[in-house]
Amino acid sequence: MMRNEEREVEKFIRKHGMIGKGDVVVAGVSGGADSVCLLFVLCGLRRELGFSVRACHVNHGLRGAEADADEEYVRRLCRDLGVPCRFFHEDVEWIARKRKQSPEEAGRTVRRNAFEAMCREDGGTKIATAHHQGDNAETVLWNMARGTGLKGLRGIRPVEGRCIRPLLALTREETERFLQEKGVRWCEDATNAQDGYTRNRIRHNILPVLAEQVNLQVARHLEELSRQAGEVWDYLERGTDRAWERCVSVCGSGGKTP
């Protein structure tokens, strides 16, 4: 029998048309609670929805033995679940220096490249990441603090091209509860507890205060705000496209005629 969290994710997947029959879903699995929850949920739904799952793990080379232990955990987990998995090793610190990027930005780039490689080489049709409502709330607050308009209020989109985020249906607490009820342990990344990154400061110092002193459901309400902002943005985009088609013709020389 499906747990409530799994059913909520299934409804979210169907609502947004994330996965179709015959899809090959490449799931990013770091070994943390969110990605492990994502893997279990996808495995629980793959037969019912008619898709297959492959896992992608990227060792960033930043945390030494701890990162190696995470990799071994993911290897065992995928073997137990019968999920093919590929492991990528990158020197993110060196890549960040070479490209004059932050380690966070370089890490995102190497993960994206690994996902794309699996889509090209392993037949992947969808890329699933483990962003949940807390991540979206952090993103919306971060965008607001830096100065944003309607586009930034959209936060993390449920679907962008072939990238899907099924766990936006759940909060961080729900992902962990799902695993606890199944008796599944996960890896803890020590850097997540540090306040050196802006996102971590929002997670540790701002969202908890909003939840404790303003509204316990702040993450869900910010998720709803981002959904409504996304719907308005999409409506305006479609209207702009229709107006362009009606009012503008493109000349052969490349000029535009009203």
C-alpha atoms as a PDB file:
ATOM      1  CA  MET A   1       0.000   0.000   0.000  1.00  0.00           C
ATOM      2  CA  MET A   2       1.271   3.458  -0.898  1.00  0.00           C
ATOM      3  CA  ARG A   3       2.174   5.855   1.886  1.00  0.00           C
ATOM      4  CA  ASN A   4       0.567   9.297   1.860  1.00  0.00           C
ATOM      5  CA  GLU A   5       3.780  10.968   0.657  1.00  0.00           C
ATOM      6  CA  GLU A   6       4.097   8.594  -2.273  1.00  0.00           C
ATOM      7  CA  ARG A   7       0.490   9.178  -3.265  1.00  0.00           C
ATOM      8  CA  GLU A   8       0.960  12.954  -3.092  1.00  0.00           C
ATOM      9  CA  VAL A   9       3.966  12.722  -5.393  1.00  0.00           C
ATOM     10  CA  GLU A  10       2.042  10.519  -7.805  1.00  0.00           C
ATOM     11  CA  LYS A  11      -0.775  13.074  -7.973  1.00  0.00           C
ATOM     12  CA  PHE A  12       1.779  15.855  -8.525  1.00  0.00           C
ATOM     13  CA  ILE A  13       3.455  13.899 -11.337  1.00  0.00           C
ATOM     14  CA  ARG A  14       0.126  13.315 -13.060  1.00  0.00           C
ATOM     15  CA  LYS A  15      -1.003  16.925 -12.584  1.00  0.00           C
ATOM     16  CA  HIS A  16       2.080  18.305 -14.319  1.00  0.00           C
ATOM     17  CA  GLY A  17       2.460  15.525 -16.885  1.00  0.00           C
ATOM     18  CA  MET A  18       5.984  14.876 -15.672  1.00  0.00           C
ATOM     19  CA  ILE A  19       6.386  11.247 -16.706  1.00  0.00           C
ATOM     20  CA  GLY A  20       4.851   9.263 -19.542  1.00  0.00           C
ATOM     21  CA  LYS A  21       4.728   5.573 -20.290  1.00  0.00           C
ATOM     22  CA  GLY A  22       8.060   4.379 -21.638  1.00  0.00           C
ATOM     23  CA  ASP A  23      10.072   7.264 -20.157  1.00  0.00           C
ATOM     24  CA  VAL A  24      13.551   6.579 -18.785  1.00  0.00           C
ATOM     25  CA  VAL A  25      13.948   8.776 -15.710  1.00  0.00           C
ATOM     26  CA  VAL A  26      17.483   9.706 -14.650  1.00  0.00           C
ATOM     27  CA  ALA A  27      17.340  10.519 -10.937  1.00  0.00           C
ATOM     28  CA  GLY A  28      20.060  12.468  -9.171  1.00  0.00           C
ATOM     29  CA  VAL A  29      20.968  10.536  -6.011  1.00  0.00           C
ATOM     30  CA  SER A  30      23.522  12.053  -3.637  1.00  0.00           C
ATOM     31  CA  GLY A  31      22.692   9.799  -0.691  1.00  0.00           C
ATOM     32  CA  GLY A  32      20.987  12.568   1.299  1.00  0.00           C
ATOM     33  CA  ALA A  33      17.448  12.192   2.613  1.00  0.00           C
ATOM     34  CA  ASP A  34      15.752  14.089  -0.213  1.00  0.00           C
ATOM     35  CA  SER A  35      17.411  12.207  -3.069  1.00  0.00           C
ATOM     36  CA  VAL A  36      16.957   8.842  -1.341  1.00  0.00           C
ATOM     37  CA  CYS A  37      13.271   9.638  -0.863  1.00  0.00           C
ATOM     38  CA  LEU A  38      13.042  10.554  -4.558  1.00  0.00           C
ATOM     39  CA  LEU A  39      14.604   7.241  -5.575  1.00  0.00           C
ATOM     40  CA  PHE A  40      12.280   5.179  -3.370  1.00  0.00           C
ATOM     41  CA  VAL A  41       9.188   7.039  -4.575  1.00  0.00           C
ATOM     42  CA  LEU A  42      10.139   6.660  -8.234  1.00  0.00           C
ATOM     43  CA  CYS A  43      10.811   2.963  -7.713  1.00  0.00           C
ATOM     44  CA  GLY A  44       7.415   2.629  -6.042  1.00  0.00           C
ATOM     45  CA  LEU A  45       5.662   4.262  -9.003  1.00  0.00           C
ATOM     46  CA  ARG A  46       7.630   2.900 -11.956  1.00  0.00           C
ATOM     47  CA  ARG A  47       5.458  -0.141 -12.566  1.00  0.00           C
ATOM     48  CA  GLU A  48       2.139   1.672 -12.139  1.00  0.00           C
ATOM     49  CA  LEU A  49       3.125   4.572 -14.423  1.00  0.00           C
ATOM     50  CA  GLY A  50       5.109   2.460 -16.873  1.00  0.00           C
ATOM     51  CA  PHE A  51       8.553   4.062 -16.739  1.00  0.00           C
ATOM     52  CA  SER A  52      12.060   2.938 -15.793  1.00  0.00           C
ATOM     53  CA  VAL A  53      14.563   4.510 -13.410  1.00  0.00           C
ATOM     54  CA  ARG A  54      18.305   5.066 -13.612  1.00  0.00           C
ATOM     55  CA  ALA A  55      20.383   6.802 -10.945  1.00  0.00           C
ATOM     56  CA  CYS A  56      23.168   9.352 -11.324  1.00  0.00           C
ATOM     57  CA  HIS A  57      25.681  10.046  -8.537  1.00  0.00           C
ATOM     58  CA  VAL A  58      28.345  12.750  -8.774  1.00  0.00           C
ATOM     59  CA  ASN A  59      31.331  12.693  -6.401  1.00  0.00           C
ATOM     60  CA  HIS A  60      32.540  16.301  -6.300  1.00  0.00           C
ATOM     61  CA  GLY A  61      35.883  15.430  -4.729  1.00  0.00           C
ATOM     62  CA  LEU A  62      35.334  18.007  -1.972  1.00  0.00           C
ATOM     63  CA  ARG A  63      34.759  15.922   1.165  1.00  0.00           C
ATOM     64  CA  GLY A  64      37.311  13.135   0.905  1.00  0.00           C
ATOM     65  CA  ALA A  65      36.412   9.924   2.744  1.00  0.00           C
ATOM     66  CA  GLU A  66      32.937  11.227   3.590  1.00  0.00           C
ATOM     67  CA  ALA A  67      32.106  11.637  -0.107  1.00  0.00           C
ATOM     68  CA  ASP A  68      33.503   8.174  -0.846  1.00  0.00           C
ATOM     69  CA  ALA A  69      31.255   6.734   1.869  1.00  0.00           C
ATOM     70  CA  ASP A  70      28.247   8.477   0.309  1.00  0.00           C
ATOM     71  CA  GLU A  71      29.140   6.948  -3.054  1.00  0.00           C
ATOM     72  CA  GLU A  72      29.383   3.456  -1.581  1.00  0.00           C
ATOM     73  CA  TYR A  73      26.023   3.950   0.160  1.00  0.00           C
ATOM     74  CA  VAL A  74      24.371   4.908  -3.156  1.00  0.00           C
ATOM     75  CA  ARG A  75      26.010   1.934  -4.859  1.00  0.00           C
ATOM     76  CA  ARG A  76      24.537  -0.487  -2.299  1.00  0.00           C
ATOM     77  CA  LEU A  77      21.149   1.232  -2.315  1.00  0.00           C
ATOM     78  CA  CYS A  78      20.802   1.051  -6.094  1.00  0.00           C
ATOM     79  CA  ARG A  79      21.897  -2.571  -6.100  1.00  0.00           C
ATOM     80  CA  ASP A  80      19.232  -3.413  -3.480  1.00  0.00           C
ATOM     81  CA  LEU A  81      16.534  -1.566  -5.451  1.00  0.00           C
ATOM     82  CA  GLY A  82      17.575  -3.001  -8.795  1.00  0.00           C
ATOM     83  CA  VAL A  83      18.325   0.441 -10.261  1.00  0.00           C
ATOM     84  CA  PRO A  84      21.185   0.914 -12.755  1.00  0.00           C
ATOM     85  CA  CYS A  85      23.479   3.694 -11.555  1.00  0.00           C
ATOM     86  CA  ARG A  86      26.390   5.600 -13.035  1.00  0.00           C
ATOM     87  CA  PHE A  87      29.038   7.320 -10.923  1.00  0.00           C
ATOM     88  CA  PHE A  88      30.857  10.469 -12.021  1.00  0.00           C
ATOM     89  CA  HIS A  89      34.007  11.826 -10.367  1.00  0.00           C
ATOM     90  CA  GLU A  90      34.885  15.493 -10.751  1.00  0.00           C
ATOM     91  CA  ASP A  91      37.367  17.866  -9.111  1.00  0.00           C
ATOM     92  CA  VAL A  92      34.864  20.642  -8.482  1.00  0.00           C
ATOM     93  CA  GLU A  93      37.329  22.834  -6.590  1.00  0.00           C
ATOM     94  CA  TRP A  94      39.730  22.839  -9.561  1.00  0.00           C
ATOM     95  CA  ILE A  95      36.872  23.407 -12.020  1.00  0.00           C
ATOM     96  CA  ALA A  96      35.631  26.353  -9.935  1.00  0.00           C
ATOM     97  CA  ARG A  97      39.075  27.987  -9.937  1.00  0.00           C
ATOM     98  CA  LYS A  98      39.547  27.397 -13.654  1.00  0.00           C
ATOM     99  CA  ARG A  99      36.155  28.876 -14.568  1.00  0.00           C
ATOM    100  CA  LYS A 100      36.248  31.557 -11.843  1.00  0.00           C
ATOM    101  CA  GLN A 101      33.023  30.192 -10.360  1.00  0.00           C
ATOM    102  CA  SER A 102      31.907  29.463  -6.829  1.00  0.00           C
ATOM    103  CA  PRO A 103      32.061  25.772  -5.821  1.00  0.00           C
ATOM    104  CA  GLU A 104      28.245  25.805  -5.725  1.00  0.00           C
ATOM    105  CA  GLU A 105      27.984  27.022  -9.305  1.00  0.00           C
ATOM    106  CA  ALA A 106      30.671  24.621 -10.530  1.00  0.00           C
ATOM    107  CA  GLY A 107      28.921  21.768  -8.727  1.00  0.00           C
ATOM    108  CA  ARG A 108      25.648  22.558 -10.462  1.00  0.00           C
ATOM    109  CA  THR A 109      27.429  22.573 -13.800  1.00  0.00           C
ATOM    110  CA  VAL A 110      29.088  19.177 -13.347  1.00  0.00           C
ATOM    111  CA  ARG A 111      25.816  17.637 -12.141  1.00  0.00           C
ATOM    112  CA  ARG A 112      23.986  19.028 -15.151  1.00  0.00           C
ATOM    113  CA  ASN A 113      26.687  17.666 -17.451  1.00  0.00           C
ATOM    114  CA  ALA A 114      26.415  14.229 -15.826  1.00  0.00           C
ATOM    115  CA  PHE A 115      22.635  14.202 -16.298  1.00  0.00           C
ATOM    116  CA  GLU A 116      22.985  15.200 -19.925  1.00  0.00           C
ATOM    117  CA  ALA A 117      25.619  12.513 -20.507  1.00  0.00           C
ATOM    118  CA  MET A 118      23.249   9.868 -19.161  1.00  0.00           C
ATOM    119  CA  CYS A 119      20.449  11.136 -21.383  1.00  0.00           C
ATOM    120  CA  ARG A 120      22.715  10.899 -24.436  1.00  0.00           C
ATOM    121  CA  GLU A 121      24.396   7.623 -23.594  1.00  0.00           C
ATOM    122  CA  ASP A 122      21.820   5.705 -21.540  1.00  0.00           C
ATOM    123  CA  GLY A 123      18.589   6.698 -23.238  1.00  0.00           C
ATOM    124  CA  GLY A 124      17.366   9.014 -20.501  1.00  0.00           C
ATOM    125  CA  THR A 125      14.266  11.001 -21.411  1.00  0.00           C
ATOM    126  CA  LYS A 126      13.624  12.820 -18.115  1.00  0.00           C
ATOM    127  CA  ILE A 127      15.929  14.180 -15.412  1.00  0.00           C
ATOM    128  CA  ALA A 128      14.507  14.082 -11.874  1.00  0.00           C
ATOM    129  CA  THR A 129      16.003  16.118  -9.047  1.00  0.00           C
ATOM    130  CA  ALA A 130      14.999  16.054  -5.389  1.00  0.00           C
ATOM    131  CA  HIS A 131      13.970  19.688  -4.833  1.00  0.00           C
ATOM    132  CA  HIS A 132      11.160  19.914  -2.287  1.00  0.00           C
ATOM    133  CA  GLN A 133       8.945  22.702  -0.940  1.00  0.00           C
ATOM    134  CA  GLY A 134      11.607  23.905   1.496  1.00  0.00           C
ATOM    135  CA  ASP A 135      14.081  24.348  -1.353  1.00  0.00           C
ATOM    136  CA  ASN A 136      11.482  26.305  -3.288  1.00  0.00           C
ATOM    137  CA  ALA A 137      10.708  28.510  -0.286  1.00  0.00           C
ATOM    138  CA  GLU A 138      14.423  29.279   0.099  1.00  0.00           C
ATOM    139  CA  THR A 139      14.675  30.149  -3.588  1.00  0.00           C
ATOM    140  CA  VAL A 140      11.671  32.490  -3.509  1.00  0.00           C
ATOM    141  CA  LEU A 141      12.971  34.296  -0.403  1.00  0.00           C
ATOM    142  CA  TRP A 142      16.453  34.549  -1.893  1.00  0.00           C
ATOM    143  CA  ASN A 143      15.093  36.034  -5.112  1.00  0.00           C
ATOM    144  CA  MET A 144      12.922  38.500  -3.190  1.00  0.00           C
ATOM    145  CA  ALA A 145      15.842  39.624  -1.022  1.00  0.00           C
ATOM    146  CA  ARG A 146      18.072  40.232  -4.057  1.00  0.00           C
ATOM    147  CA  GLY A 147      15.325  42.065  -5.903  1.00  0.00           C
ATOM    148  CA  THR A 148      13.032  40.288  -8.298  1.00  0.00           C
ATOM    149  CA  GLY A 149       9.855  40.638 -10.271  1.00  0.00           C
ATOM    150  CA  LEU A 150       7.191  38.164 -11.201  1.00  0.00           C
ATOM    151  CA  LYS A 151       9.646  35.825 -12.927  1.00  0.00           C
ATOM    152  CA  GLY A 152      11.723  35.336  -9.791  1.00  0.00           C
ATOM    153  CA  LEU A 153       8.645  34.653  -7.679  1.00  0.00           C
ATOM    154  CA  ARG A 154       8.103  31.500  -9.734  1.00  0.00           C
ATOM    155  CA  GLY A 155      10.903  29.865  -7.763  1.00  0.00           C
ATOM    156  CA  ILE A 156      11.777  26.302  -8.771  1.00  0.00           C
ATOM    157  CA  ARG A 157       9.519  25.132 -11.582  1.00  0.00           C
ATOM    158  CA  PRO A 158       7.938  21.640 -11.413  1.00  0.00           C
ATOM    159  CA  VAL A 159       8.866  21.030 -15.067  1.00  0.00           C
ATOM    160  CA  GLU A 160      11.511  22.739 -17.201  1.00  0.00           C
ATOM    161  CA  GLY A 161      12.101  20.961 -20.478  1.00  0.00           C
ATOM    162  CA  ARG A 162      12.962  17.392 -19.558  1.00  0.00           C
ATOM    163  CA  CYS A 163      13.901  18.339 -15.982  1.00  0.00           C
ATOM    164  CA  ILE A 164      11.251  17.372 -13.413  1.00  0.00           C
ATOM    165  CA  ARG A 165      10.966  17.965  -9.651  1.00  0.00           C
ATOM    166  CA  PRO A 166       8.420  15.457  -8.280  1.00  0.00           C
ATOM    167  CA  LEU A 167       9.228  16.177  -4.609  1.00  0.00           C
ATOM    168  CA  LEU A 168       7.915  19.741  -4.824  1.00  0.00           C
ATOM    169  CA  ALA A 169       4.757  18.016  -3.612  1.00  0.00           C
ATOM    170  CA  LEU A 170       6.423  17.446  -0.208  1.00  0.00           C
ATOM    171  CA  THR A 171       8.113  19.357   2.588  1.00  0.00           C
ATOM    172  CA  ARG A 172      11.562  18.478   3.923  1.00  0.00           C
ATOM    173  CA  GLU A 173       9.939  17.000   7.024  1.00  0.00           C
ATOM    174  CA  GLU A 174       7.731  14.763   4.896  1.00  0.00           C
ATOM    175  CA  THR A 175      10.658  13.374   2.912  1.00  0.00           C
ATOM    176  CA  GLU A 176      12.442  12.416   6.119  1.00  0.00           C
ATOM    177  CA  ARG A 177       9.296  10.986   7.704  1.00  0.00           C
ATOM    178  CA  PHE A 178       8.726   8.841   4.614  1.00  0.00           C
ATOM    179  CA  LEU A 179      12.181   7.283   5.010  1.00  0.00           C
ATOM    180  CA  GLN A 180      11.896   6.907   8.784  1.00  0.00           C
ATOM    181  CA  GLU A 181       8.624   5.021   8.441  1.00  0.00           C
ATOM    182  CA  LYS A 182      10.302   2.686   5.925  1.00  0.00           C
ATOM    183  CA  GLY A 183      13.278   2.217   8.254  1.00  0.00           C
ATOM    184  CA  VAL A 184      15.683   3.663   5.692  1.00  0.00           C
ATOM    185  CA  ARG A 185      18.775   5.560   6.788  1.00  0.00           C
ATOM    186  CA  TRP A 186      20.493   8.198   4.674  1.00  0.00           C
ATOM    187  CA  CYS A 187      23.778  10.110   4.521  1.00  0.00           C
ATOM    188  CA  GLU A 188      24.284  13.488   6.173  1.00  0.00           C
ATOM    189  CA  ASP A 189      26.425  16.077   4.378  1.00  0.00           C
ATOM    190  CA  ALA A 190      28.219  18.090   7.074  1.00  0.00           C
ATOM    191  CA  THR A 191      28.352  21.155   4.821  1.00  0.00           C
ATOM    192  CA  ASN A 192      24.557  21.420   5.009  1.00  0.00           C
ATOM    193  CA  ALA A 193      24.886  22.450   8.648  1.00  0.00           C
ATOM    194  CA  GLN A 194      27.300  25.297   7.894  1.00  0.00           C
ATOM    195  CA  ASP A 195      26.183  28.888   7.344  1.00  0.00           C
ATOM    196  CA  GLY A 196      28.877  29.738   4.815  1.00  0.00           C
ATOM    197  CA  TYR A 197      26.382  29.521   1.957  1.00  0.00           C
ATOM    198  CA  THR A 198      23.542  31.999   1.520  1.00  0.00           C
ATOM    199  CA  ARG A 199      20.981  29.249   0.977  1.00  0.00           C
ATOM    200  CA  ASN A 200      22.008  27.590   4.250  1.00  0.00           C
ATOM    201  CA  ARG A 201      21.596  30.872   6.139  1.00  0.00           C
ATOM    202  CA  ILE A 202      18.074  31.226   4.783  1.00  0.00           C
ATOM    203  CA  ARG A 203      17.350  27.594   5.696  1.00  0.00           C
ATOM    204  CA  HIS A 204      18.743  27.782   9.228  1.00  0.00           C
ATOM    205  CA  ASN A 205      17.990  31.341  10.309  1.00  0.00           C
ATOM    206  CA  ILE A 206      15.112  32.820   8.323  1.00  0.00           C
ATOM    207  CA  LEU A 207      12.617  30.075   7.473  1.00  0.00           C
ATOM    208  CA  PRO A 208      12.591  28.666  11.039  1.00  0.00           C
ATOM    209  CA  VAL A 209      11.823  32.135  12.469  1.00  0.00           C
ATOM    210  CA  LEU A 210       9.017  32.633   9.951  1.00  0.00           C
ATOM    211  CA  ALA A 211       7.600  29.217  10.815  1.00  0.00           C
ATOM    212  CA  GLU A 212       7.850  29.708  14.588  1.00  0.00           C
ATOM    213  CA  GLN A 213       6.764  33.337  14.816  1.00  0.00           C
ATOM    214  CA  VAL A 214       4.574  33.929  11.753  1.00  0.00           C
ATOM    215  CA  ASN A 215       3.071  30.763  10.279  1.00  0.00           C
ATOM    216  CA  LEU A 216       4.008  27.092  10.552  1.00  0.00           C
ATOM    217  CA  GLN A 217       2.943  26.539   6.941  1.00  0.00           C
ATOM    218  CA  VAL A 218       5.285  29.175   5.500  1.00  0.00           C
ATOM    219  CA  ALA A 219       6.988  26.724   3.116  1.00  0.00           C
ATOM    220  CA  ARG A 220       3.654  25.542   1.700  1.00  0.00           C
ATOM    221  CA  HIS A 221       2.401  29.122   1.316  1.00  0.00           C
ATOM    222  CA  LEU A 222       5.564  30.186  -0.507  1.00  0.00           C
ATOM    223  CA  GLU A 223       5.159  27.132  -2.726  1.00  0.00           C
ATOM    224  CA  GLU A 224       1.602  28.242  -3.514  1.00  0.00           C
ATOM    225  CA  LEU A 225       2.823  31.786  -4.230  1.00  0.00           C
ATOM    226  CA  SER A 226       5.417  30.454  -6.657  1.00  0.00           C
ATOM    227  CA  ARG A 227       2.789  28.289  -8.374  1.00  0.00           C
ATOM    228  CA  GLN A 228       0.426  31.250  -8.851  1.00  0.00           C
ATOM    229  CA  ALA A 229       3.281  33.470 -10.068  1.00  0.00           C
ATOM    230  CA  GLY A 230       4.237  30.753 -12.543  1.00  0.00           C
ATOM    231  CA  GLU A 231       0.700  30.512 -13.883  1.00  0.00           C
ATOM    232  CA  VAL A 232       0.502  34.289 -14.338  1.00  0.00           C
ATOM    233  CA  TRP A 233       3.919  34.379 -16.019  1.00  0.00           C
ATOM    234  CA  ASP A 234       2.977  31.565 -18.396  1.00  0.00           C
ATOM    235  CA  TYR A 235      -0.295  33.324 -19.250  1.00  0.00           C
ATOM    236  CA  LEU A 236       1.536  36.563 -20.047  1.00  0.00           C
ATOM    237  CA  GLU A 237       4.129  34.698 -22.121  1.00  0.00           C
ATOM    238  CA  ARG A 238       1.440  32.980 -24.188  1.00  0.00           C
ATOM    239  CA  GLY A 239      -0.381  36.288 -24.676  1.00  0.00           C
ATOM    240  CA  THR A 240       2.829  37.988 -25.771  1.00  0.00           C
ATOM    241  CA  ASP A 241       3.551  35.219 -28.257  1.00  0.00           C
ATOM    242  CA  ARG A 242       0.045  35.433 -29.734  1.00  0.00           C
ATOM    243  CA  ALA A 243       0.282  39.228 -30.015  1.00  0.00           C
ATOM    244  CA  TRP A 244       3.663  38.916 -31.740  1.00  0.00           C
ATOM    245  CA  GLU A 245       2.265  36.458 -34.262  1.00  0.00           C
ATOM    246  CA  ARG A 246      -0.728  38.715 -35.015  1.00  0.00           C
ATOM    247  CA  CYS A 247       1.064  42.045 -35.137  1.00  0.00           C
ATOM    248  CA  VAL A 248       4.573  41.398 -36.464  1.00  0.00           C
ATOM    249  CA  SER A 249       5.784  39.953 -39.750  1.00  0.00           C
ATOM    250  CA  VAL A 250       9.446  39.216 -40.405  1.00  0.00           C
ATOM    251  CA  CYS A 251      10.872  40.394 -43.731  1.00  0.00           C
ATOM    252  CA  GLY A 252      13.263  38.288 -45.760  1.00  0.00           C
ATOM    253  CA  SER A 253      16.117  40.713 -45.045  1.00  0.00           C
ATOM    254  CA  GLY A 254      15.727  40.156 -41.312  1.00  0.00           C
ATOM    255  CA  GLY A 255      13.820  43.357 -40.642  1.00  0.00           C
ATOM    256  CA  LYS A 256      10.463  43.508 -38.891  1.00  0.00           C
ATOM    257  CA  THR A 257       7.320  44.994 -40.328  1.00  0.00           C
ATOM    258  CA  PRO A 258       4.498  46.014 -37.930  1.00  0.00           C
END
